[in-house]
Amino acid sequence: MTADAEPIAAAQPWFVTFLPLKGRRVVLLGHGEAAEAKIRALLECEADCVWIDPQAGALAGKPIRRPWRLADFTNAVMVVAAPNGSRLDAARRAARAAGAQFYAIDDPARSDFATGARIVRGPIVVGVSTAGIAPVLGQTLRQKIESLLPPWLGDWARAALNARPKIAERFPAPSARRQFWRRAVEAALIDQQPDWDKWFAQDLAPAPTPNRRSVILLTAPPNADAWTIGEVRRLGQAEWVFAGLRALSIAEPFLRRDARRFDLQALNGDVGITAVTEIVILRDEADPTSDRLVDILLAQLAQ
């Protein structure tokens, strides 16, 4: 590894994203099983693949059998190099200079990003990455996750996409929509339907009564690993969460991004809850003021 090959740190936090590649230029360097597997995956994404290697085989019918050139990277969004690709460090510099991200198969130290195993069910895509450290683990996790996802999930997802405008119209309140989607997801994971479009068109249940409020009181455990499955589900459904700072930090991994967080210590007067329907309050046995503050809040909510 040369000085310009700054390693990506496998232990650092990763931001997961899914990149649309249809019609976008991707350059593949090198040959062999690893290269062929990558190009098959890229072609499935309908990328505009350019495969360059003097010893390339006949996959996809149009390998360019010559060394890569600087001009090959023009307008490319990414450059993928097999372990036997030529001049990898120079290719990385050239790719970056052209504005492309560089990925070296099985070589995290030379890569600008990590790829992973994919589980595809129509428009639903689940990715698993081990940051290049243990690809076999990634494949094993992929197989386990794949076994949990029914084969008809893609059909369900396409029908759900078509139904979204009508569902939003029928359930204007966010909490009511979430309740509908929970039922829909449970149905998708339980049994196959011959016609998911028809299923979504059915009037499954009346819209929940506006302002119907559910208040769940939980006791914060010593750490985030000690939540029960039921408690994690409640936290994930909450629109508003009230707790002390310690309890909030323990609950944070399981809260929705759009859930509002309130520090019990900072509350002053009426909290102004109107149409919020799903509230979680966390007691904290490690905080001597927790019980008193929770009781005050419960009294406000009862009014």
Protein backbone atom coordinates (compact mmCIF):
# COMPACT_ATOMS: atom_id res chain seq x y z
CA MET A 1 0.00 0.00 0.00
CA THR A 2 1.40 3.38 -0.98
CA ALA A 3 1.19 6.60 0.97
CA ASP A 4 -1.80 7.87 -1.02
CA ALA A 5 -3.94 4.87 -0.09
CA GLU A 6 -5.50 6.22 3.08
CA PRO A 7 -7.35 3.34 4.76
CA ILE A 8 -11.03 3.62 5.61
CA ALA A 9 -11.52 2.82 9.28
CA ALA A 10 -13.79 -0.19 9.65
CA ALA A 11 -14.69 0.78 13.22
CA GLN A 12 -15.88 4.27 12.32
CA PRO A 13 -19.61 5.06 12.05
CA TRP A 14 -21.05 4.39 8.60
CA PHE A 15 -23.80 6.30 6.83
CA VAL A 16 -25.84 3.79 4.85
CA THR A 17 -27.12 4.92 1.47
CA PHE A 18 -28.52 3.30 -1.67
CA LEU A 19 -27.30 4.72 -4.96
CA PRO A 20 -29.37 4.58 -8.18
CA LEU A 21 -27.06 3.54 -11.02
CA LYS A 22 -29.43 3.20 -13.96
CA GLY A 23 -27.75 4.72 -17.00
CA ARG A 24 -24.75 5.97 -14.99
CA ARG A 25 -21.20 5.13 -15.98
CA VAL A 26 -19.34 2.61 -13.81
CA VAL A 27 -15.85 1.41 -14.76
CA LEU A 28 -14.66 -2.06 -13.75
CA LEU A 29 -10.96 -2.92 -13.82
CA GLY A 30 -9.58 -6.46 -13.68
CA HIS A 31 -10.95 -9.95 -14.23
CA GLY A 32 -11.79 -13.18 -12.44
CA GLU A 33 -14.70 -14.42 -10.33
CA ALA A 34 -14.78 -11.35 -8.08
CA ALA A 35 -14.90 -9.00 -11.05
CA GLU A 36 -17.60 -11.03 -12.78
CA ALA A 37 -19.74 -11.08 -9.62
CA LYS A 38 -19.49 -7.30 -9.31
CA ILE A 39 -20.32 -6.63 -12.93
CA ARG A 40 -23.37 -8.92 -12.73
CA ALA A 41 -24.60 -6.93 -9.73
CA LEU A 42 -23.96 -3.64 -11.54
CA LEU A 43 -25.79 -4.83 -14.65
CA GLU A 44 -28.76 -5.81 -12.46
CA CYS A 45 -28.83 -2.15 -11.40
CA GLU A 46 -28.87 -1.16 -15.10
CA ALA A 47 -25.60 0.73 -14.78
CA ASP A 48 -23.70 1.75 -17.91
CA CYS A 49 -20.81 -0.64 -17.25
CA VAL A 50 -17.42 -0.28 -18.89
CA TRP A 51 -15.22 -3.32 -18.24
CA ILE A 52 -11.54 -2.83 -18.93
CA ASP A 53 -8.81 -5.45 -18.68
CA PRO A 54 -6.33 -6.94 -21.15
CA GLN A 55 -7.35 -10.44 -20.01
CA ALA A 56 -11.09 -9.87 -19.65
CA GLY A 57 -13.40 -12.70 -20.61
CA ALA A 58 -16.63 -12.47 -22.56
CA LEU A 59 -19.08 -11.56 -19.78
CA ALA A 60 -21.62 -8.98 -20.99
CA GLY A 61 -20.12 -9.40 -24.44
CA LYS A 62 -18.09 -6.21 -24.60
CA PRO A 63 -14.94 -6.24 -22.47
CA ILE A 64 -12.28 -3.75 -23.49
CA ARG A 65 -9.06 -5.72 -23.70
CA ARG A 66 -6.45 -3.05 -23.02
CA PRO A 67 -4.97 -1.18 -20.04
CA TRP A 68 -7.14 1.57 -18.60
CA ARG A 69 -6.65 5.20 -19.63
CA LEU A 70 -7.40 8.48 -17.84
CA ALA A 71 -10.21 9.21 -20.28
CA ASP A 72 -11.98 6.00 -19.24
CA PHE A 73 -12.94 7.58 -15.92
CA THR A 74 -14.56 10.69 -17.40
CA ASN A 75 -18.20 11.03 -16.19
CA ALA A 76 -17.93 7.83 -14.13
CA VAL A 77 -19.68 7.80 -10.75
CA MET A 78 -17.52 4.96 -9.48
CA VAL A 79 -14.55 2.83 -10.43
CA VAL A 80 -14.45 -0.78 -9.20
CA ALA A 81 -11.13 -2.65 -9.29
CA ALA A 82 -10.57 -6.39 -8.93
CA PRO A 83 -7.50 -7.55 -6.95
CA ASN A 84 -5.67 -8.29 -10.21
CA GLY A 85 -6.47 -4.93 -11.77
CA SER A 86 -3.49 -3.00 -13.06
CA ARG A 87 -1.93 -0.02 -11.27
CA LEU A 88 -4.52 0.15 -8.49
CA ASP A 89 -3.06 3.13 -6.63
CA ALA A 90 -2.72 5.09 -9.86
CA ALA A 91 -6.28 4.12 -10.78
CA ARG A 92 -7.50 5.38 -7.43
CA ARG A 93 -5.81 8.74 -7.93
CA ALA A 94 -7.17 9.02 -11.47
CA ALA A 95 -10.70 8.08 -10.37
CA ARG A 96 -10.70 10.67 -7.62
CA ALA A 97 -9.35 13.31 -10.00
CA ALA A 98 -12.27 12.53 -12.33
CA GLY A 99 -14.77 12.90 -9.46
CA ALA A 100 -15.50 9.17 -9.16
CA GLN A 101 -15.53 7.06 -6.00
CA PHE A 102 -13.03 4.20 -6.00
CA TYR A 103 -13.68 0.69 -4.69
CA ALA A 104 -11.06 -2.06 -4.59
CA ILE A 105 -12.59 -5.51 -4.14
CA ASP A 106 -11.40 -7.15 -0.88
CA ASP A 107 -9.11 -4.17 -0.20
CA PRO A 108 -10.70 -1.74 2.30
CA ALA A 109 -7.47 0.23 2.62
CA ARG A 110 -7.72 1.41 -0.99
CA SER A 111 -11.49 1.90 -1.04
CA ASP A 112 -13.50 5.10 -0.68
CA PHE A 113 -16.61 3.15 0.31
CA ALA A 114 -17.75 -0.35 1.22
CA THR A 115 -20.19 -2.61 -0.58
CA GLY A 116 -22.18 -5.45 0.89
CA ALA A 117 -24.48 -8.38 0.32
CA ARG A 118 -27.94 -7.55 -1.03
CA ILE A 119 -31.37 -9.01 -0.45
CA VAL A 120 -33.78 -7.90 -3.19
CA ARG A 121 -37.55 -8.22 -3.10
CA GLY A 122 -38.77 -6.03 -5.94
CA PRO A 123 -38.28 -2.40 -4.89
CA ILE A 124 -37.26 -3.50 -1.38
CA VAL A 125 -33.50 -3.82 -0.99
CA VAL A 126 -31.74 -4.81 2.23
CA GLY A 127 -27.97 -4.37 2.41
CA VAL A 128 -25.50 -6.02 4.78
CA SER A 129 -21.90 -4.85 5.03
CA THR A 130 -18.94 -5.88 7.15
CA ALA A 131 -16.81 -3.02 5.79
CA GLY A 132 -14.75 -5.49 3.82
CA ILE A 133 -13.48 -7.23 6.96
CA ALA A 134 -15.41 -10.50 6.69
CA PRO A 135 -17.37 -10.96 3.44
CA VAL A 136 -18.31 -14.52 4.45
CA LEU A 137 -20.09 -13.14 7.52
CA GLY A 138 -21.96 -10.70 5.28
CA GLN A 139 -23.11 -13.55 3.05
CA THR A 140 -24.18 -15.60 6.08
CA LEU A 141 -26.21 -12.70 7.46
CA ARG A 142 -27.74 -12.16 4.02
CA GLN A 143 -28.93 -15.76 3.92
CA LYS A 144 -30.47 -15.51 7.38
CA ILE A 145 -32.25 -12.24 6.58
CA GLU A 146 -33.40 -13.59 3.22
CA SER A 147 -35.07 -16.52 4.98
CA LEU A 148 -37.16 -14.03 7.00
CA LEU A 149 -38.48 -12.13 3.98
CA PRO A 150 -41.32 -13.84 2.09
CA PRO A 151 -40.88 -14.15 -1.68
CA TRP A 152 -44.08 -12.16 -2.33
CA LEU A 153 -42.77 -9.10 -0.48
CA GLY A 154 -41.83 -7.45 -3.78
CA ASP A 155 -45.43 -7.74 -5.02
CA TRP A 156 -46.64 -6.26 -1.75
CA ALA A 157 -44.19 -3.37 -2.06
CA ARG A 158 -45.28 -2.51 -5.60
CA ALA A 159 -48.94 -2.53 -4.53
CA ALA A 160 -48.08 -0.43 -1.47
CA LEU A 161 -46.36 2.14 -3.67
CA ASN A 162 -49.45 2.41 -5.88
CA ALA A 163 -51.71 2.74 -2.83
CA ARG A 164 -49.75 5.45 -1.01
CA PRO A 165 -51.69 8.47 -2.39
CA LYS A 166 -55.08 6.96 -1.51
CA ILE A 167 -53.90 5.88 1.94
CA ALA A 168 -52.58 9.38 2.65
CA GLU A 169 -55.95 10.81 1.62
CA ARG A 170 -57.91 8.35 3.71
CA PHE A 171 -55.71 8.71 6.80
CA PRO A 172 -54.59 12.37 6.95
CA ALA A 173 -53.33 12.08 10.53
CA PRO A 174 -49.78 10.66 10.72
CA SER A 175 -50.65 8.42 13.66
CA ALA A 176 -53.60 6.90 11.78
CA ARG A 177 -51.42 6.24 8.75
CA ARG A 178 -48.83 4.52 10.91
CA GLN A 179 -51.50 2.25 12.37
CA PHE A 180 -52.67 1.33 8.87
CA TRP A 181 -49.13 0.62 7.69
CA ARG A 182 -48.47 -1.58 10.73
CA ARG A 183 -51.48 -3.71 9.78
CA ALA A 184 -50.32 -3.81 6.17
CA VAL A 185 -46.79 -4.87 7.10
CA GLU A 186 -48.07 -7.54 9.47
CA ALA A 187 -50.25 -8.89 6.66
CA ALA A 188 -47.30 -8.93 4.26
CA LEU A 189 -45.16 -10.96 6.63
CA ILE A 190 -47.88 -13.45 7.57
CA ASP A 191 -49.50 -14.67 4.37
CA GLN A 192 -49.48 -14.31 0.60
CA GLN A 193 -52.40 -12.56 -1.08
CA PRO A 194 -53.38 -13.33 -4.68
CA ASP A 195 -53.94 -9.64 -5.38
CA TRP A 196 -52.18 -7.12 -3.13
CA ASP A 197 -53.67 -4.18 -5.07
CA LYS A 198 -57.13 -5.43 -4.12
CA TRP A 199 -56.02 -5.92 -0.53
CA PHE A 200 -54.88 -2.31 -0.26
CA ALA A 201 -58.10 -1.07 -1.86
CA GLN A 202 -60.25 -2.70 0.81
CA ASP A 203 -61.64 -0.65 3.66
CA LEU A 204 -59.85 -2.69 6.34
CA ALA A 205 -60.78 -0.55 9.33
CA PRO A 206 -62.25 2.86 10.07
CA ALA A 207 -59.84 5.65 10.75
CA PRO A 208 -58.92 5.90 14.46
CA THR A 209 -60.81 8.45 16.49
CA PRO A 210 -58.95 11.78 16.38
CA ASN A 211 -57.00 12.65 19.51
CA ARG A 212 -57.37 9.17 20.97
CA ARG A 213 -54.30 9.03 23.15
CA SER A 214 -52.18 6.10 24.26
CA VAL A 215 -49.81 6.78 27.16
CA ILE A 216 -47.28 4.06 27.94
CA LEU A 217 -45.28 4.20 31.16
CA LEU A 218 -42.00 2.27 31.09
CA THR A 219 -39.10 1.97 33.50
CA ALA A 220 -35.72 2.63 31.94
CA PRO A 221 -33.33 -0.31 32.35
CA PRO A 222 -29.68 0.07 33.39
CA ASN A 223 -28.52 0.05 29.76
CA ALA A 224 -29.81 -0.12 26.18
CA ASP A 225 -29.21 -3.88 25.94
CA ALA A 226 -31.73 -4.60 28.70
CA TRP A 227 -34.92 -3.45 26.95
CA THR A 228 -37.44 -6.22 26.25
CA ILE A 229 -38.73 -6.83 22.72
CA GLY A 230 -42.10 -5.40 23.70
CA GLU A 231 -40.52 -2.26 25.14
CA VAL A 232 -38.44 -1.76 22.00
CA ARG A 233 -41.62 -1.98 19.93
CA ARG A 234 -43.32 0.63 22.13
CA LEU A 235 -40.34 2.96 21.85
CA GLY A 236 -40.35 2.58 18.08
CA GLN A 237 -44.03 3.53 17.89
CA ALA A 238 -43.83 6.61 20.12
CA GLU A 239 -44.51 10.06 18.68
CA TRP A 240 -43.43 11.88 21.85
CA VAL A 241 -41.08 10.57 24.53
CA PHE A 242 -40.69 12.09 28.00
CA ALA A 243 -37.72 11.10 30.15
CA GLY A 244 -34.68 12.32 31.99
CA LEU A 245 -31.48 12.70 30.02
CA ARG A 246 -30.03 9.35 31.13
CA ALA A 247 -33.18 7.44 30.23
CA LEU A 248 -33.44 9.27 26.90
CA SER A 249 -29.91 8.27 26.00
CA ILE A 250 -30.72 4.62 26.73
CA ALA A 251 -33.89 4.76 24.64
CA GLU A 252 -32.35 6.71 21.74
CA PRO A 253 -31.26 3.71 19.60
CA PHE A 254 -34.88 2.57 19.34
CA LEU A 255 -36.71 5.87 18.78
CA ARG A 256 -37.97 7.04 15.42
CA ARG A 257 -36.03 9.92 13.90
CA ASP A 258 -39.17 12.09 13.85
CA ALA A 259 -40.17 11.31 17.45
CA ARG A 260 -40.00 14.36 19.71
CA ARG A 261 -37.81 14.02 22.79
CA PHE A 262 -38.57 15.92 26.01
CA ASP A 263 -36.35 16.21 29.06
CA LEU A 264 -38.58 15.88 32.13
CA GLN A 265 -36.29 18.19 34.08
CA ALA A 266 -36.79 20.96 31.51
CA LEU A 267 -40.60 20.85 31.34
CA ASN A 268 -42.29 24.03 32.45
CA GLY A 269 -46.07 24.11 32.59
CA ASP A 270 -48.49 22.58 30.09
CA VAL A 271 -46.74 20.52 27.43
CA GLY A 272 -49.44 21.37 24.89
CA ILE A 273 -50.25 17.90 23.58
CA THR A 274 -53.13 18.02 21.11
CA ALA A 275 -53.30 15.43 18.32
CA VAL A 276 -50.43 13.30 19.58
CA THR A 277 -51.73 9.77 20.04
CA GLU A 278 -48.73 7.68 21.08
CA ILE A 279 -46.73 8.85 24.09
CA VAL A 280 -44.08 7.02 26.07
CA ILE A 281 -42.99 8.19 29.52
CA LEU A 282 -39.85 6.72 31.05
CA ARG A 283 -39.31 6.42 34.77
CA ASP A 284 -35.71 6.27 35.88
CA GLU A 285 -34.99 4.52 39.17
CA ALA A 286 -31.49 6.00 39.14
CA ASP A 287 -32.93 9.53 39.21
CA PRO A 288 -34.44 10.54 42.59
CA THR A 289 -36.61 13.23 40.95
CA SER A 290 -38.03 10.95 38.27
CA ASP A 291 -41.15 9.71 40.08
CA ARG A 292 -42.26 13.22 41.07
CA LEU A 293 -41.77 14.61 37.55
CA VAL A 294 -43.56 11.66 35.97
CA ASP A 295 -46.52 12.08 38.34
CA ILE A 296 -46.77 15.78 37.43
CA LEU A 297 -46.76 14.94 33.73
CA LEU A 298 -49.38 12.20 34.13
CA ALA A 299 -51.63 14.66 35.96
CA GLN A 300 -51.33 17.09 33.05
CA LEU A 301 -52.16 14.41 30.51
CA ALA A 302 -55.23 13.34 32.49
CA GLN A 303 -56.80 16.80 32.26
